[in-house]
């Protein structure tokens, strides 16, 4: 009888420990029409959206470890997603030490493309990973992740997870 209680207590403790590690935080705000999941509590919101500015920003531990900006871009109907990526890339070319990386296709709640690049900031090797997620013919959301090259690379599974869970709210 005591061993059954002990076994039950151990199993319950393990279940609670595993569920605590698996907890995600969902971002949602009345000022924006999208949501996404943050896979770890280390992501802290630094810019909150408002009715005048729909921009959202998060930092992973420290800004150099990982910085996320969510931006909504209006595009012309019929424009290709690759044109939007090229336009954003042209803005980045003036960063010190800029080196373009490869484009990747991306599948998640919203499909799109990923653009990777590297640059130098204050003598440090930095990288960027931008997710271009097409919502419709007139809207693209860009999830701009930047950070120190090695640190951003170490949280790539988290950046992918955030982008995969990025979705539009259901309209009633």
Protein backbone atom coordinates (compact mmCIF):
# COMPACT_ATOMS: atom_id res chain seq x y z
CA UNK A 1 0.00 0.00 0.00
CA UNK A 2 2.78 2.46 0.93
CA UNK A 3 4.71 1.56 -2.21
CA UNK A 4 1.65 2.28 -4.37
CA UNK A 5 1.26 5.72 -2.75
CA UNK A 6 4.95 6.40 -3.21
CA UNK A 7 4.81 5.32 -6.85
CA UNK A 8 1.75 7.53 -7.43
CA UNK A 9 3.50 10.51 -5.79
CA UNK A 10 6.60 10.05 -7.92
CA UNK A 11 4.55 9.75 -11.13
CA UNK A 12 2.47 12.82 -10.25
CA UNK A 13 5.64 14.80 -9.48
CA UNK A 14 7.22 13.82 -12.80
CA UNK A 15 4.04 14.73 -14.69
CA UNK A 16 3.94 18.18 -13.07
CA UNK A 17 7.65 18.75 -13.71
CA UNK A 18 7.33 17.84 -17.40
CA UNK A 19 4.25 20.02 -17.85
CA UNK A 20 6.04 22.97 -16.21
CA UNK A 21 8.89 22.66 -18.72
CA UNK A 22 6.45 22.42 -21.62
CA UNK A 23 4.58 25.60 -20.75
CA UNK A 24 4.41 28.25 -23.41
CA UNK A 25 3.18 31.78 -23.18
CA UNK A 26 0.81 33.03 -25.88
CA UNK A 27 1.07 36.61 -27.09
CA UNK A 28 -2.27 38.19 -27.91
CA UNK A 29 -3.34 41.81 -27.74
CA UNK A 30 -6.53 43.62 -28.71
CA UNK A 31 -4.48 46.16 -30.73
CA UNK A 32 -3.22 43.56 -33.22
CA UNK A 33 -4.85 40.86 -35.32
CA UNK A 34 -2.34 38.07 -34.68
CA UNK A 35 -1.07 35.74 -31.96
CA UNK A 36 2.01 33.61 -31.45
CA UNK A 37 3.48 31.34 -28.78
CA UNK A 38 6.69 32.04 -26.90
CA UNK A 39 8.35 28.70 -26.09
CA UNK A 40 10.25 29.93 -23.04
CA UNK A 41 9.66 32.42 -20.23
CA UNK A 42 13.02 34.06 -21.02
CA UNK A 43 11.30 36.04 -23.80
CA UNK A 44 10.30 39.41 -22.29
CA UNK A 45 8.13 41.99 -24.02
CA UNK A 46 9.86 45.36 -24.46
CA UNK A 47 7.45 47.14 -26.81
CA UNK A 48 3.70 46.72 -26.42
CA UNK A 49 1.35 47.43 -29.32
CA UNK A 50 -1.16 50.25 -29.19
CA UNK A 51 -3.86 51.64 -31.44
CA UNK A 52 -1.35 54.09 -32.94
CA UNK A 53 1.61 51.66 -33.22
CA UNK A 54 0.98 47.97 -33.85
CA UNK A 55 4.66 47.10 -33.36
CA UNK A 56 5.61 44.37 -30.90
CA UNK A 57 9.10 43.63 -29.61
CA UNK A 58 10.55 40.92 -27.38
CA UNK A 59 14.04 40.26 -26.03
CA UNK A 60 15.45 36.83 -25.20
CA UNK A 61 17.31 37.24 -21.87
CA UNK A 62 19.43 40.14 -23.21
CA UNK A 63 19.04 42.10 -26.44
CA UNK A 64 22.34 40.67 -27.74
CA UNK A 65 21.05 37.12 -27.16
CA UNK A 66 17.96 37.64 -29.26
CA UNK A 67 15.68 40.49 -30.25
CA UNK A 68 12.34 40.05 -32.01
CA UNK A 69 10.43 42.77 -33.83
CA UNK A 70 7.07 42.01 -35.42
CA UNK A 71 6.12 44.32 -38.29
CA UNK A 72 3.16 44.41 -40.64
CA UNK A 73 3.93 45.35 -44.23
CA UNK A 74 1.36 46.42 -46.79
CA UNK A 75 2.10 45.11 -50.27
CA UNK A 76 0.47 45.65 -53.62
CA UNK A 77 -1.98 42.99 -54.72
CA UNK A 78 -0.16 40.57 -56.99
CA UNK A 79 3.31 41.33 -55.60
CA UNK A 80 5.42 38.24 -55.02
CA UNK A 81 6.78 37.49 -51.58
CA UNK A 82 10.28 37.32 -53.05
CA UNK A 83 9.92 41.00 -54.10
CA UNK A 84 9.21 41.94 -50.47
CA UNK A 85 12.26 39.97 -49.32
CA UNK A 86 14.45 41.76 -51.89
CA UNK A 87 13.16 45.17 -50.79
CA UNK A 88 13.97 44.42 -47.13
CA UNK A 89 17.37 43.00 -48.10
CA UNK A 90 18.25 46.22 -49.95
CA UNK A 91 17.72 48.17 -46.70
CA UNK A 92 20.11 45.88 -44.84
CA UNK A 93 22.99 46.21 -47.31
CA UNK A 94 24.26 49.34 -45.57
CA UNK A 95 24.92 47.57 -42.25
CA UNK A 96 28.64 47.30 -41.41
CA UNK A 97 30.04 43.93 -42.49
CA UNK A 98 26.76 42.90 -44.13
CA UNK A 99 26.78 39.45 -45.72
CA UNK A 100 23.59 38.02 -47.22
CA UNK A 101 22.69 34.45 -46.39
CA UNK A 102 20.40 32.06 -48.13
CA UNK A 103 16.64 32.27 -48.49
CA UNK A 104 14.55 29.36 -47.27
CA UNK A 105 10.93 28.43 -47.76
CA UNK A 106 8.95 28.26 -44.53
CA UNK A 107 5.78 26.44 -43.51
CA UNK A 108 3.74 27.23 -40.44
CA UNK A 109 0.30 28.58 -39.61
CA UNK A 110 1.24 31.17 -42.27
CA UNK A 111 3.63 30.12 -45.02
CA UNK A 112 6.44 32.29 -46.26
CA UNK A 113 10.19 32.71 -46.62
CA UNK A 114 13.14 33.08 -44.29
CA UNK A 115 16.02 35.43 -45.03
CA UNK A 116 19.31 35.04 -43.12
CA UNK A 117 22.18 37.52 -42.96
CA UNK A 118 25.21 38.53 -40.90
CA UNK A 119 26.62 41.92 -39.94
CA UNK A 120 28.91 43.62 -37.43
CA UNK A 121 27.70 45.78 -34.52
CA UNK A 122 30.20 47.36 -32.13
CA UNK A 123 32.89 44.92 -33.28
CA UNK A 124 30.67 41.88 -32.57
CA UNK A 125 29.54 39.30 -35.10
CA UNK A 126 25.77 39.53 -35.34
CA UNK A 127 23.15 37.73 -37.38
CA UNK A 128 19.60 38.24 -38.47
CA UNK A 129 16.85 35.82 -39.36
CA UNK A 130 13.73 37.36 -40.87
CA UNK A 131 10.54 35.38 -41.38
CA UNK A 132 8.29 36.82 -44.09
CA UNK A 133 4.81 35.40 -43.51
CA UNK A 134 2.16 36.14 -46.10
CA UNK A 135 -1.28 36.72 -44.58
CA UNK A 136 -3.12 37.62 -47.80
CA UNK A 137 -2.61 39.44 -51.13
CA UNK A 138 -2.04 42.77 -49.37
CA UNK A 139 -0.33 41.88 -46.07
CA UNK A 140 2.99 40.37 -45.05
CA UNK A 141 4.15 40.05 -41.46
CA UNK A 142 7.89 40.16 -40.83
CA UNK A 143 9.33 38.57 -37.71
CA UNK A 144 12.78 40.14 -37.43
CA UNK A 145 15.12 38.23 -35.14
CA UNK A 146 18.59 39.67 -34.52
CA UNK A 147 21.32 38.87 -32.02
CA UNK A 148 24.92 37.82 -31.57
CA UNK A 149 25.62 35.19 -34.21
CA UNK A 150 26.26 32.22 -31.92
CA UNK A 151 23.52 33.12 -29.44
CA UNK A 152 20.86 33.58 -32.11
CA UNK A 153 21.93 30.30 -33.69
CA UNK A 154 21.47 28.54 -30.32
CA UNK A 155 17.81 29.67 -30.10
CA UNK A 156 16.96 28.94 -33.72
CA UNK A 157 14.55 26.20 -32.69
CA UNK A 158 12.70 28.85 -30.65
CA UNK A 159 12.63 31.40 -33.48
CA UNK A 160 11.26 28.69 -35.77
CA UNK A 161 8.65 27.77 -33.15
CA UNK A 162 7.51 31.38 -32.73
CA UNK A 163 7.18 31.78 -36.50
CA UNK A 164 5.37 28.43 -36.86
CA UNK A 165 2.76 29.46 -34.27
CA UNK A 166 2.29 32.98 -35.66
CA UNK A 167 -1.32 33.10 -36.86
CA UNK A 168 -4.13 35.50 -37.51
CA UNK A 169 -6.95 35.75 -35.00
CA UNK A 170 -10.21 34.25 -36.10
CA UNK A 171 -12.70 36.92 -37.15
CA UNK A 172 -16.26 36.51 -36.00
